[in-house]
Amino acid sequence: MRRPFLLFSLLLLLGLVFASRYYPTVRYIQVSGNTHYSATEVASLTGITVGKPLLWITKRQLEPLANNPWIQNAQIIRAFPDAVHIQLQERVPVLTDTVQTYAIDGTVLPGVDATARESLIQLQGWGENRVDEALEIIALVNADNRYAHSLKMLSYSAAGFTLQFETNIGQAKEIFTPSLQALKTQWASVMTLSETSQTIALYPWGVTAHE
């Protein structure tokens, strides 16, 4: 009695697997959170197409997105009986050295055209590469609502960094700092003084404001 039941269960399971290749199928593909890629490009990267078996769509479709430098996070939601929702969180370019473009987490983002790079924070300098420190400085600046998105250029050398800001009234402001740690330590004083000074020189032992 047990063997026929097991055989019937196996045949039923095989029948359901076979049927799942034909129903339900995808009729609608929705993509959200995309800016760099179009919805069509995102769907193409995952391999999800209209007519694909809905139940055969798994997290494996996310692998091409996970390996894409522009995609920070992605998930696929199946909505029975015929829809798939792909939710993305894309990386945003913030810094360029005219050769490479970086997201805030240090990921190099390919394919940024020259026009788009012009609107980003510019990095220039000589000596040991200090991109990682530059990105930490940008994160520190952007956390301050008074100066978020107003940093225009970061220059570096063995002596330290120069930060160039552009305020809402069009006056340039500069901050000179020997290191990221010095900037963090004196950040409150720097921001207070920078409200009245166009140039701030930051040294390891303190802050000096210049008109």
N, C-alpha and C. Protein backbone atom coordinates (compact mmCIF):
# COMPACT_ATOMS: atom_id res chain seq x y z
N MET A 1 0.83 -1.20 0.00
CA MET A 1 0.00 0.00 0.00
C MET A 1 0.87 1.25 0.00
N ARG A 2 2.01 1.15 0.69
CA ARG A 2 2.86 2.33 0.80
C ARG A 2 3.54 2.65 -0.51
N ARG A 3 3.97 1.60 -1.28
CA ARG A 3 4.68 1.83 -2.53
C ARG A 3 3.80 2.54 -3.56
N PRO A 4 2.58 2.13 -3.77
CA PRO A 4 1.73 2.87 -4.73
C PRO A 4 1.52 4.33 -4.31
N PHE A 5 1.40 4.57 -3.00
CA PHE A 5 1.23 5.95 -2.54
C PHE A 5 2.46 6.79 -2.84
N LEU A 6 3.63 6.23 -2.59
CA LEU A 6 4.87 6.95 -2.88
C LEU A 6 5.02 7.21 -4.37
N LEU A 7 4.65 6.20 -5.18
CA LEU A 7 4.73 6.37 -6.62
C LEU A 7 3.78 7.46 -7.09
N PHE A 8 2.56 7.44 -6.53
CA PHE A 8 1.58 8.47 -6.88
C PHE A 8 2.08 9.86 -6.49
N SER A 9 2.68 9.97 -5.28
CA SER A 9 3.20 11.26 -4.81
C SER A 9 4.32 11.77 -5.71
N LEU A 10 5.18 10.83 -6.13
CA LEU A 10 6.28 11.20 -7.01
C LEU A 10 5.76 11.69 -8.35
N LEU A 11 4.80 10.97 -8.90
CA LEU A 11 4.22 11.37 -10.19
C LEU A 11 3.50 12.71 -10.08
N LEU A 12 2.82 12.91 -8.95
CA LEU A 12 2.14 14.19 -8.73
C LEU A 12 3.13 15.34 -8.66
N LEU A 13 4.24 15.11 -7.93
CA LEU A 13 5.26 16.13 -7.80
C LEU A 13 5.89 16.45 -9.15
N LEU A 14 6.19 15.43 -9.92
CA LEU A 14 6.75 15.64 -11.26
C LEU A 14 5.77 16.39 -12.15
N GLY A 15 4.49 16.07 -11.98
CA GLY A 15 3.47 16.77 -12.77
C GLY A 15 3.39 18.24 -12.42
N LEU A 16 3.50 18.55 -11.10
CA LEU A 16 3.46 19.95 -10.67
C LEU A 16 4.68 20.72 -11.16
N VAL A 17 5.85 20.07 -11.10
CA VAL A 17 7.07 20.72 -11.61
C VAL A 17 6.94 20.99 -13.09
N PHE A 18 6.45 20.02 -13.82
CA PHE A 18 6.27 20.20 -15.26
C PHE A 18 5.27 21.32 -15.56
N ALA A 19 4.16 21.32 -14.80
CA ALA A 19 3.13 22.33 -15.02
C ALA A 19 3.62 23.73 -14.68
N SER A 20 4.55 23.82 -13.69
CA SER A 20 5.04 25.14 -13.28
C SER A 20 5.86 25.83 -14.37
N ARG A 21 6.26 25.08 -15.38
CA ARG A 21 6.98 25.69 -16.50
C ARG A 21 6.03 26.44 -17.43
N TYR A 22 4.74 26.21 -17.25
CA TYR A 22 3.75 26.83 -18.14
C TYR A 22 2.76 27.71 -17.41
N TYR A 23 2.63 27.52 -16.10
CA TYR A 23 1.72 28.36 -15.33
C TYR A 23 2.15 28.33 -13.86
N PRO A 24 2.16 29.49 -13.18
CA PRO A 24 1.92 30.83 -13.74
C PRO A 24 3.17 31.37 -14.45
N THR A 25 2.97 32.30 -15.35
CA THR A 25 4.08 32.92 -16.08
C THR A 25 4.09 34.43 -15.86
N VAL A 26 5.21 35.03 -16.12
CA VAL A 26 5.39 36.48 -15.91
C VAL A 26 4.72 37.27 -17.03
N ARG A 27 3.88 38.19 -16.65
CA ARG A 27 3.27 39.12 -17.62
C ARG A 27 3.72 40.55 -17.39
N TYR A 28 4.11 40.88 -16.16
CA TYR A 28 4.50 42.25 -15.82
C TYR A 28 5.84 42.24 -15.08
N ILE A 29 6.74 43.12 -15.48
CA ILE A 29 8.03 43.28 -14.80
C ILE A 29 8.14 44.74 -14.36
N GLN A 30 8.21 44.96 -13.07
CA GLN A 30 8.31 46.31 -12.52
C GLN A 30 9.69 46.51 -11.90
N VAL A 31 10.29 47.65 -12.17
CA VAL A 31 11.62 47.97 -11.64
C VAL A 31 11.54 49.29 -10.90
N SER A 32 12.09 49.35 -9.70
CA SER A 32 12.12 50.60 -8.93
C SER A 32 13.52 50.83 -8.39
N GLY A 33 13.83 52.11 -8.14
CA GLY A 33 15.12 52.48 -7.57
C GLY A 33 16.22 52.60 -8.61
N ASN A 34 15.89 52.47 -9.88
CA ASN A 34 16.91 52.54 -10.93
C ASN A 34 17.03 53.96 -11.47
N THR A 35 18.28 54.39 -11.65
CA THR A 35 18.57 55.69 -12.25
C THR A 35 19.57 55.54 -13.38
N HIS A 36 20.66 54.85 -13.09
CA HIS A 36 21.70 54.66 -14.11
C HIS A 36 21.22 53.74 -15.22
N TYR A 37 20.52 52.68 -14.85
CA TYR A 37 20.02 51.70 -15.81
C TYR A 37 18.53 51.90 -16.04
N SER A 38 18.08 51.66 -17.26
CA SER A 38 16.65 51.68 -17.55
C SER A 38 16.03 50.39 -17.03
N ALA A 39 14.71 50.38 -16.93
CA ALA A 39 14.01 49.19 -16.47
C ALA A 39 14.27 48.02 -17.41
N THR A 40 14.33 48.30 -18.71
CA THR A 40 14.61 47.25 -19.69
C THR A 40 16.00 46.66 -19.49
N GLU A 41 16.98 47.52 -19.20
CA GLU A 41 18.35 47.04 -18.98
C GLU A 41 18.44 46.20 -17.71
N VAL A 42 17.73 46.60 -16.67
CA VAL A 42 17.75 45.84 -15.42
C VAL A 42 17.16 44.45 -15.64
N ALA A 43 16.00 44.40 -16.31
CA ALA A 43 15.38 43.11 -16.58
C ALA A 43 16.29 42.23 -17.43
N SER A 44 16.97 42.84 -18.39
CA SER A 44 17.88 42.08 -19.25
C SER A 44 19.04 41.51 -18.45
N LEU A 45 19.56 42.29 -17.49
CA LEU A 45 20.67 41.81 -16.66
C LEU A 45 20.26 40.59 -15.83
N THR A 46 19.01 40.56 -15.38
CA THR A 46 18.55 39.44 -14.56
C THR A 46 18.13 38.24 -15.40
N GLY A 47 17.85 38.48 -16.67
CA GLY A 47 17.36 37.39 -17.52
C GLY A 47 15.88 37.14 -17.38
N ILE A 48 15.18 38.00 -16.65
CA ILE A 48 13.74 37.84 -16.48
C ILE A 48 13.02 38.44 -17.68
N THR A 49 12.17 37.66 -18.30
CA THR A 49 11.42 38.11 -19.47
C THR A 49 9.95 37.76 -19.31
N VAL A 50 9.12 38.46 -20.06
CA VAL A 50 7.69 38.12 -20.10
C VAL A 50 7.55 36.71 -20.64
N GLY A 51 6.74 35.90 -19.96
CA GLY A 51 6.54 34.52 -20.36
C GLY A 51 7.39 33.53 -19.57
N LYS A 52 8.33 34.03 -18.79
CA LYS A 52 9.17 33.15 -17.98
C LYS A 52 8.34 32.56 -16.84
N PRO A 53 8.54 31.31 -16.50
CA PRO A 53 7.78 30.72 -15.39
C PRO A 53 8.01 31.49 -14.08
N LEU A 54 6.93 31.93 -13.47
CA LEU A 54 7.04 32.75 -12.26
C LEU A 54 7.72 32.00 -11.12
N LEU A 55 7.37 30.73 -10.96
CA LEU A 55 7.89 29.96 -9.84
C LEU A 55 9.35 29.55 -10.03
N TRP A 56 9.87 29.75 -11.22
CA TRP A 56 11.25 29.40 -11.50
C TRP A 56 12.19 30.60 -11.34
N ILE A 57 11.62 31.72 -10.96
CA ILE A 57 12.44 32.91 -10.71
C ILE A 57 12.90 32.87 -9.26
N THR A 58 14.21 32.85 -9.07
CA THR A 58 14.79 32.74 -7.73
C THR A 58 15.86 33.81 -7.53
N LYS A 59 16.53 33.74 -6.39
CA LYS A 59 17.59 34.70 -6.09
C LYS A 59 18.78 34.58 -7.04
N ARG A 60 18.87 33.48 -7.76
CA ARG A 60 19.96 33.33 -8.72
C ARG A 60 19.92 34.41 -9.79
N GLN A 61 18.71 34.91 -10.07
CA GLN A 61 18.59 35.98 -11.06
C GLN A 61 19.27 37.28 -10.60
N LEU A 62 19.55 37.36 -9.28
CA LEU A 62 20.18 38.56 -8.73
C LEU A 62 21.69 38.57 -8.91
N GLU A 63 22.29 37.43 -9.25
CA GLU A 63 23.75 37.35 -9.31
C GLU A 63 24.37 38.37 -10.26
N PRO A 64 23.83 38.57 -11.48
CA PRO A 64 24.41 39.59 -12.36
C PRO A 64 24.34 41.00 -11.76
N LEU A 65 23.28 41.27 -10.98
CA LEU A 65 23.15 42.58 -10.34
C LEU A 65 24.14 42.71 -9.19
N ALA A 66 24.31 41.63 -8.42
CA ALA A 66 25.24 41.65 -7.29
C ALA A 66 26.67 41.88 -7.75
N ASN A 67 26.98 41.44 -8.96
CA ASN A 67 28.34 41.59 -9.50
C ASN A 67 28.52 42.88 -10.27
N ASN A 68 27.48 43.69 -10.35
CA ASN A 68 27.54 44.95 -11.10
C ASN A 68 27.93 46.08 -10.16
N PRO A 69 28.99 46.84 -10.46
CA PRO A 69 29.44 47.89 -9.53
C PRO A 69 28.42 48.99 -9.29
N TRP A 70 27.50 49.20 -10.22
CA TRP A 70 26.49 50.24 -10.05
C TRP A 70 25.39 49.85 -9.06
N ILE A 71 25.24 48.55 -8.80
CA ILE A 71 24.14 48.07 -7.96
C ILE A 71 24.65 47.77 -6.56
N GLN A 72 24.11 48.49 -5.58
CA GLN A 72 24.51 48.28 -4.19
C GLN A 72 23.69 47.17 -3.54
N ASN A 73 22.38 47.21 -3.76
CA ASN A 73 21.49 46.18 -3.22
C ASN A 73 20.39 45.90 -4.24
N ALA A 74 19.90 44.67 -4.24
CA ALA A 74 18.81 44.32 -5.14
C ALA A 74 18.01 43.17 -4.55
N GLN A 75 16.72 43.18 -4.80
CA GLN A 75 15.89 42.05 -4.41
C GLN A 75 14.78 41.86 -5.43
N ILE A 76 14.31 40.63 -5.52
CA ILE A 76 13.23 40.28 -6.44
C ILE A 76 12.03 39.82 -5.62
N ILE A 77 10.87 40.38 -5.93
CA ILE A 77 9.63 40.01 -5.27
C ILE A 77 8.68 39.45 -6.32
N ARG A 78 8.24 38.22 -6.11
CA ARG A 78 7.26 37.61 -7.01
C ARG A 78 5.86 37.92 -6.50
N ALA A 79 5.01 38.44 -7.36
CA ALA A 79 3.64 38.76 -6.99
C ALA A 79 2.70 37.86 -7.78
N PHE A 80 2.15 36.87 -7.11
CA PHE A 80 1.25 35.93 -7.78
C PHE A 80 0.01 36.65 -8.31
N PRO A 81 -0.46 36.36 -9.53
CA PRO A 81 -0.03 35.22 -10.34
C PRO A 81 0.91 35.56 -11.50
N ASP A 82 1.23 36.86 -11.73
CA ASP A 82 1.90 37.13 -13.00
C ASP A 82 2.87 38.31 -12.99
N ALA A 83 3.34 38.77 -11.83
CA ALA A 83 4.18 39.97 -11.77
C ALA A 83 5.48 39.72 -11.00
N VAL A 84 6.51 40.42 -11.41
CA VAL A 84 7.79 40.40 -10.73
C VAL A 84 8.22 41.84 -10.47
N HIS A 85 8.62 42.12 -9.24
CA HIS A 85 9.08 43.46 -8.87
C HIS A 85 10.56 43.38 -8.52
N ILE A 86 11.38 44.13 -9.24
CA ILE A 86 12.82 44.17 -8.97
C ILE A 86 13.12 45.51 -8.28
N GLN A 87 13.58 45.45 -7.05
CA GLN A 87 13.88 46.66 -6.27
C GLN A 87 15.39 46.84 -6.18
N LEU A 88 15.86 48.03 -6.55
CA LEU A 88 17.29 48.31 -6.57
C LEU A 88 17.66 49.45 -5.65
N GLN A 89 18.89 49.42 -5.19
CA GLN A 89 19.54 50.59 -4.61
C GLN A 89 20.85 50.76 -5.37
N GLU A 90 20.91 51.79 -6.19
CA GLU A 90 22.09 52.00 -7.02
C GLU A 90 23.12 52.84 -6.28
N ARG A 91 24.38 52.64 -6.63
CA ARG A 91 25.43 53.52 -6.15
C ARG A 91 25.38 54.83 -6.92
N VAL A 92 25.82 55.89 -6.26
CA VAL A 92 25.78 57.23 -6.86
C VAL A 92 27.21 57.75 -6.98
N PRO A 93 27.61 58.23 -8.15
CA PRO A 93 28.96 58.80 -8.29
C PRO A 93 29.09 60.10 -7.52
N VAL A 94 30.18 60.25 -6.76
CA VAL A 94 30.38 61.47 -5.98
C VAL A 94 31.73 62.14 -6.25
N LEU A 95 32.71 61.37 -6.73
CA LEU A 95 34.08 61.89 -6.83
C LEU A 95 34.73 61.38 -8.11
N THR A 96 35.50 62.24 -8.75
CA THR A 96 36.24 61.82 -9.94
C THR A 96 37.63 62.43 -9.94
N ASP A 97 38.58 61.65 -10.45
CA ASP A 97 39.93 62.19 -10.66
C ASP A 97 40.20 62.38 -12.15
N THR A 98 39.12 62.46 -12.93
CA THR A 98 39.09 62.60 -14.39
C THR A 98 39.41 61.30 -15.11
N VAL A 99 39.97 60.33 -14.41
CA VAL A 99 40.23 59.02 -15.01
C VAL A 99 39.21 58.00 -14.52
N GLN A 100 39.01 57.97 -13.21
CA GLN A 100 38.04 57.07 -12.61
C GLN A 100 37.02 57.86 -11.80
N THR A 101 35.84 57.25 -11.65
CA THR A 101 34.77 57.86 -10.88
C THR A 101 34.40 56.92 -9.74
N TYR A 102 34.16 57.50 -8.55
CA TYR A 102 33.98 56.69 -7.34
C TYR A 102 32.63 56.96 -6.69
N ALA A 103 32.04 55.89 -6.14
CA ALA A 103 30.92 56.03 -5.22
C ALA A 103 31.47 56.30 -3.84
N ILE A 104 30.60 56.65 -2.89
CA ILE A 104 31.06 57.04 -1.56
C ILE A 104 31.71 55.87 -0.82
N ASP A 105 31.40 54.63 -1.21
CA ASP A 105 32.02 53.47 -0.55
C ASP A 105 33.31 53.04 -1.22
N GLY A 106 33.78 53.83 -2.21
CA GLY A 106 35.05 53.54 -2.86
C GLY A 106 34.94 52.69 -4.11
N THR A 107 33.74 52.24 -4.45
CA THR A 107 33.56 51.43 -5.66
C THR A 107 33.80 52.29 -6.90
N VAL A 108 34.59 51.78 -7.83
CA VAL A 108 34.82 52.48 -9.09
C VAL A 108 33.63 52.23 -10.01
N LEU A 109 33.04 53.31 -10.51
CA LEU A 109 31.86 53.22 -11.36
C LEU A 109 32.26 53.48 -12.82
N PRO A 110 32.11 52.50 -13.68
CA PRO A 110 32.49 52.68 -15.08
C PRO A 110 31.40 53.38 -15.88
N GLY A 111 31.79 53.93 -17.02
CA GLY A 111 30.82 54.44 -17.97
C GLY A 111 30.23 55.79 -17.65
N VAL A 112 30.88 56.59 -16.80
CA VAL A 112 30.39 57.94 -16.49
C VAL A 112 30.96 58.89 -17.54
N ASP A 113 30.09 59.57 -18.26
CA ASP A 113 30.58 60.43 -19.35
C ASP A 113 31.18 61.72 -18.81
N ALA A 114 31.85 62.44 -19.71
CA ALA A 114 32.58 63.65 -19.31
C ALA A 114 31.66 64.72 -18.75
N THR A 115 30.47 64.85 -19.31
CA THR A 115 29.52 65.87 -18.83
C THR A 115 29.09 65.58 -17.41
N ALA A 116 28.79 64.32 -17.11
CA ALA A 116 28.38 63.94 -15.76
C ALA A 116 29.52 64.11 -14.77
N ARG A 117 30.76 63.84 -15.19
CA ARG A 117 31.91 63.98 -14.29
C ARG A 117 32.13 65.43 -13.89
N GLU A 118 31.77 66.36 -14.75
CA GLU A 118 31.99 67.78 -14.44
C GLU A 118 31.18 68.23 -13.23
N SER A 119 30.07 67.58 -12.96
CA SER A 119 29.21 67.99 -11.84
C SER A 119 29.62 67.34 -10.52
N LEU A 120 30.61 66.45 -10.56
CA LEU A 120 31.05 65.75 -9.36
C LEU A 120 32.16 66.50 -8.65
N ILE A 121 32.46 66.11 -7.41
CA ILE A 121 33.60 66.65 -6.69
C ILE A 121 34.87 66.21 -7.42
N GLN A 122 35.75 67.16 -7.68
CA GLN A 122 36.98 66.89 -8.42
C GLN A 122 38.11 66.58 -7.45
N LEU A 123 38.90 65.56 -7.76
CA LEU A 123 40.03 65.18 -6.93
C LEU A 123 41.31 65.34 -7.73
N GLN A 124 42.28 66.05 -7.15
CA GLN A 124 43.57 66.19 -7.80
C GLN A 124 44.66 66.21 -6.74
N GLY A 125 45.85 65.78 -7.13
CA GLY A 125 46.94 65.79 -6.16
C GLY A 125 48.14 65.03 -6.66
N TRP A 126 49.12 64.92 -5.80
CA TRP A 126 50.34 64.20 -6.15
C TRP A 126 50.84 63.45 -4.93
N GLY A 127 51.67 62.46 -5.17
CA GLY A 127 52.17 61.63 -4.06
C GLY A 127 51.32 60.39 -3.91
N GLU A 128 51.35 59.81 -2.73
CA GLU A 128 50.60 58.59 -2.44
C GLU A 128 49.11 58.80 -2.66
N ASN A 129 48.48 57.82 -3.29
CA ASN A 129 47.05 57.90 -3.55
C ASN A 129 46.27 58.01 -2.23
N ARG A 130 45.36 59.02 -2.16
CA ARG A 130 44.60 59.25 -0.93
C ARG A 130 43.10 59.28 -1.20
N VAL A 131 42.68 58.46 -2.15
CA VAL A 131 41.27 58.42 -2.52
C VAL A 131 40.40 58.01 -1.33
N ASP A 132 40.82 57.00 -0.58
CA ASP A 132 40.01 56.52 0.54
C ASP A 132 39.78 57.62 1.57
N GLU A 133 40.84 58.39 1.89
CA GLU A 133 40.70 59.49 2.83
C GLU A 133 39.79 60.57 2.26
N ALA A 134 39.93 60.83 0.96
CA ALA A 134 39.10 61.85 0.31
C ALA A 134 37.62 61.48 0.42
N LEU A 135 37.29 60.23 0.24
CA LEU A 135 35.90 59.79 0.33
C LEU A 135 35.38 59.91 1.75
N GLU A 136 36.22 59.65 2.74
CA GLU A 136 35.81 59.82 4.14
C GLU A 136 35.56 61.30 4.45
N ILE A 137 36.37 62.16 3.88
CA ILE A 137 36.18 63.60 4.07
C ILE A 137 34.84 64.03 3.46
N ILE A 138 34.54 63.52 2.28
CA ILE A 138 33.27 63.85 1.63
C ILE A 138 32.10 63.41 2.49
N ALA A 139 32.18 62.20 3.06
CA ALA A 139 31.11 61.71 3.94
C ALA A 139 30.96 62.61 5.16
N LEU A 140 32.07 63.07 5.71
CA LEU A 140 32.04 63.96 6.86
C LEU A 140 31.38 65.29 6.50
N VAL A 141 31.75 65.84 5.37
CA VAL A 141 31.18 67.12 4.93
C VAL A 141 29.68 66.97 4.64
N ASN A 142 29.30 65.90 3.95
CA ASN A 142 27.91 65.71 3.58
C ASN A 142 26.99 65.46 4.77
N ALA A 143 27.58 65.04 5.90
CA ALA A 143 26.78 64.82 7.10
C ALA A 143 26.39 66.14 7.76
N ASP A 144 27.04 67.24 7.35
CA ASP A 144 26.73 68.57 7.88
C ASP A 144 25.79 69.27 6.90
N ASN A 145 24.57 69.53 7.33
CA ASN A 145 23.57 70.11 6.43
C ASN A 145 23.97 71.47 5.87
N ARG A 146 24.85 72.17 6.59
CA ARG A 146 25.25 73.49 6.12
C ARG A 146 26.15 73.40 4.89
N TYR A 147 26.86 72.31 4.75
CA TYR A 147 27.84 72.21 3.67
C TYR A 147 27.62 71.00 2.76
N ALA A 148 26.56 70.26 3.00
CA ALA A 148 26.27 69.12 2.15
C ALA A 148 26.12 69.58 0.70
N HIS A 149 26.77 68.90 -0.20
CA HIS A 149 26.69 69.13 -1.64
C HIS A 149 27.35 70.44 -2.09
N SER A 150 28.07 71.14 -1.20
CA SER A 150 28.73 72.37 -1.61
C SER A 150 30.23 72.21 -1.81
N LEU A 151 30.76 71.03 -1.49
CA LEU A 151 32.18 70.77 -1.71
C LEU A 151 32.41 70.56 -3.20
N LYS A 152 33.36 71.31 -3.78
CA LYS A 152 33.58 71.26 -5.22
C LYS A 152 34.89 70.59 -5.61
N MET A 153 35.92 70.71 -4.76
CA MET A 153 37.21 70.15 -5.14
C MET A 153 37.99 69.71 -3.91
N LEU A 154 38.71 68.60 -4.07
CA LEU A 154 39.63 68.11 -3.04
C LEU A 154 41.01 67.99 -3.68
N SER A 155 41.98 68.68 -3.09
CA SER A 155 43.36 68.56 -3.56
C SER A 155 44.19 67.96 -2.44
N TYR A 156 45.19 67.15 -2.81
CA TYR A 156 46.01 66.53 -1.77
C TYR A 156 47.47 66.48 -2.19
N SER A 157 48.31 66.43 -1.17
CA SER A 157 49.75 66.26 -1.36
C SER A 157 50.25 65.55 -0.11
N ALA A 158 51.56 65.42 0.01
CA ALA A 158 52.12 64.81 1.21
C ALA A 158 51.81 65.64 2.45
N ALA A 159 51.58 66.94 2.27
CA ALA A 159 51.32 67.84 3.40
C ALA A 159 49.89 67.75 3.92
N GLY A 160 48.97 67.32 3.08
CA GLY A 160 47.59 67.24 3.53
C GLY A 160 46.59 67.52 2.43
N PHE A 161 45.40 67.95 2.84
CA PHE A 161 44.29 68.18 1.92
C PHE A 161 43.90 69.65 1.87
N THR A 162 43.40 70.06 0.72
CA THR A 162 42.74 71.35 0.57
C THR A 162 41.32 71.08 0.10
N LEU A 163 40.34 71.59 0.84
CA LEU A 163 38.94 71.43 0.47
C LEU A 163 38.44 72.78 -0.04
N GLN A 164 37.85 72.79 -1.20
CA GLN A 164 37.32 74.02 -1.77
C GLN A 164 35.80 73.92 -1.86
N PHE A 165 35.13 74.87 -1.22
CA PHE A 165 33.67 74.90 -1.18
C PHE A 165 33.15 76.03 -2.05
N GLU A 166 31.91 75.89 -2.45
CA GLU A 166 31.21 76.99 -3.11
C GLU A 166 29.93 77.21 -2.35
N THR A 167 29.79 78.38 -1.73
CA THR A 167 28.61 78.65 -0.91
C THR A 167 27.46 79.14 -1.77
N ASN A 168 26.31 79.26 -1.15
CA ASN A 168 25.12 79.71 -1.88
C ASN A 168 25.27 81.13 -2.41
N ILE A 169 26.13 81.94 -1.79
CA ILE A 169 26.30 83.31 -2.25
C ILE A 169 27.45 83.42 -3.24
N GLY A 170 28.00 82.28 -3.63
CA GLY A 170 28.99 82.28 -4.69
C GLY A 170 30.41 82.57 -4.26
N GLN A 171 30.68 82.66 -2.96
CA GLN A 171 32.03 82.91 -2.47
C GLN A 171 32.74 81.59 -2.21
N ALA A 172 33.97 81.50 -2.65
CA ALA A 172 34.73 80.27 -2.43
C ALA A 172 35.24 80.21 -1.00
N LYS A 173 35.24 79.04 -0.43
CA LYS A 173 35.81 78.81 0.89
C LYS A 173 36.80 77.67 0.78
N GLU A 174 37.90 77.76 1.50
CA GLU A 174 38.91 76.71 1.48
C GLU A 174 39.24 76.27 2.90
N ILE A 175 39.53 74.98 3.04
CA ILE A 175 39.99 74.43 4.31
C ILE A 175 41.27 73.64 4.02
N PHE A 176 42.32 73.92 4.78
CA PHE A 176 43.58 73.19 4.65
C PHE A 176 43.72 72.27 5.86
N THR A 177 43.95 71.01 5.66
CA THR A 177 44.06 70.06 6.77
C THR A 177 45.16 69.04 6.50
N PRO A 178 45.96 68.70 7.49
CA PRO A 178 47.03 67.74 7.27
C PRO A 178 46.54 66.30 7.20
N SER A 179 45.36 66.03 7.76
CA SER A 179 44.88 64.65 7.78
C SER A 179 43.39 64.62 8.02
N LEU A 180 42.82 63.47 7.74
CA LEU A 180 41.40 63.26 8.00
C LEU A 180 41.11 63.34 9.49
N GLN A 181 41.97 62.75 10.30
CA GLN A 181 41.76 62.74 11.75
C GLN A 181 41.77 64.16 12.32
N ALA A 182 42.68 65.00 11.82
CA ALA A 182 42.72 66.38 12.28
C ALA A 182 41.43 67.11 11.94
N LEU A 183 40.90 66.82 10.76
CA LEU A 183 39.65 67.46 10.35
C LEU A 183 38.50 67.01 11.23
N LYS A 184 38.45 65.71 11.54
CA LYS A 184 37.39 65.20 12.41
C LYS A 184 37.47 65.83 13.80
N THR A 185 38.69 65.93 14.33
CA THR A 185 38.89 66.45 15.68
C THR A 185 38.43 67.90 15.80
N GLN A 186 38.71 68.70 14.78
CA GLN A 186 38.43 70.14 14.83
C GLN A 186 37.21 70.54 14.01
N TRP A 187 36.39 69.56 13.62
CA TRP A 187 35.31 69.85 12.68
C TRP A 187 34.36 70.94 13.16
N ALA A 188 33.94 70.90 14.41
CA ALA A 188 32.99 71.89 14.92
C ALA A 188 33.58 73.30 14.84
N SER A 189 34.87 73.43 15.22
CA SER A 189 35.51 74.74 15.16
C SER A 189 35.66 75.21 13.73
N VAL A 190 35.99 74.30 12.84
CA VAL A 190 36.15 74.65 11.43
C VAL A 190 34.86 75.21 10.86
N MET A 191 33.76 74.54 11.13
CA MET A 191 32.49 74.97 10.56
C MET A 191 32.01 76.29 11.16
N THR A 192 32.32 76.52 12.43
CA THR A 192 31.95 77.79 13.05
C THR A 192 32.74 78.94 12.45
N LEU A 193 34.04 78.74 12.32
CA LEU A 193 34.89 79.79 11.76
C LEU A 193 34.63 80.02 10.28
N SER A 194 34.27 78.96 9.57
CA SER A 194 34.09 79.09 8.13
C SER A 194 32.86 79.91 7.76
N GLU A 195 31.99 80.20 8.74
CA GLU A 195 30.83 81.04 8.47
C GLU A 195 31.25 82.47 8.19
N THR A 196 32.43 82.87 8.67
CA THR A 196 32.89 84.25 8.47
C THR A 196 34.19 84.33 7.69
N SER A 197 34.83 83.20 7.44
CA SER A 197 36.12 83.22 6.76
C SER A 197 36.06 82.45 5.45
N GLN A 198 36.73 82.95 4.46
CA GLN A 198 36.76 82.25 3.18
C GLN A 198 37.82 81.16 3.17
N THR A 199 38.82 81.28 4.01
CA THR A 199 39.89 80.29 4.05
C THR A 199 40.15 79.88 5.49
N ILE A 200 40.21 78.56 5.72
CA ILE A 200 40.50 78.03 7.05
C ILE A 200 41.74 77.15 6.95
N ALA A 201 42.76 77.46 7.72
CA ALA A 201 43.96 76.62 7.76
C ALA A 201 43.89 75.77 9.02
N LEU A 202 43.91 74.47 8.86
CA LEU A 202 43.78 73.55 9.98
C LEU A 202 45.10 72.82 10.19
N TYR A 203 45.67 73.00 11.39
CA TYR A 203 46.94 72.37 11.73
C TYR A 203 46.72 71.32 12.82
N PRO A 204 47.68 70.43 13.02
CA PRO A 204 47.51 69.39 14.04
C PRO A 204 47.24 69.94 15.43
N TRP A 205 47.74 71.15 15.71
CA TRP A 205 47.60 71.67 17.07
C TRP A 205 46.45 72.68 17.22
N GLY A 206 45.65 72.89 16.15
CA GLY A 206 44.52 73.80 16.30
C GLY A 206 44.04 74.36 15.00
N VAL A 207 43.21 75.39 15.10
CA VAL A 207 42.58 75.99 13.94
C VAL A 207 42.91 77.47 13.88
N THR A 208 43.28 77.94 12.69
CA THR A 208 43.52 79.36 12.49
C THR A 208 42.65 79.84 11.35
N ALA A 209 41.88 80.89 11.56
CA ALA A 209 41.00 81.40 10.52
C ALA A 209 41.69 82.55 9.80
N HIS A 210 41.49 82.61 8.50
CA HIS A 210 42.01 83.70 7.69
C HIS A 210 40.87 84.34 6.92
N GLU A 211 40.88 85.64 6.81
CA GLU A 211 39.85 86.32 6.03
C GLU A 211 40.04 86.03 4.55
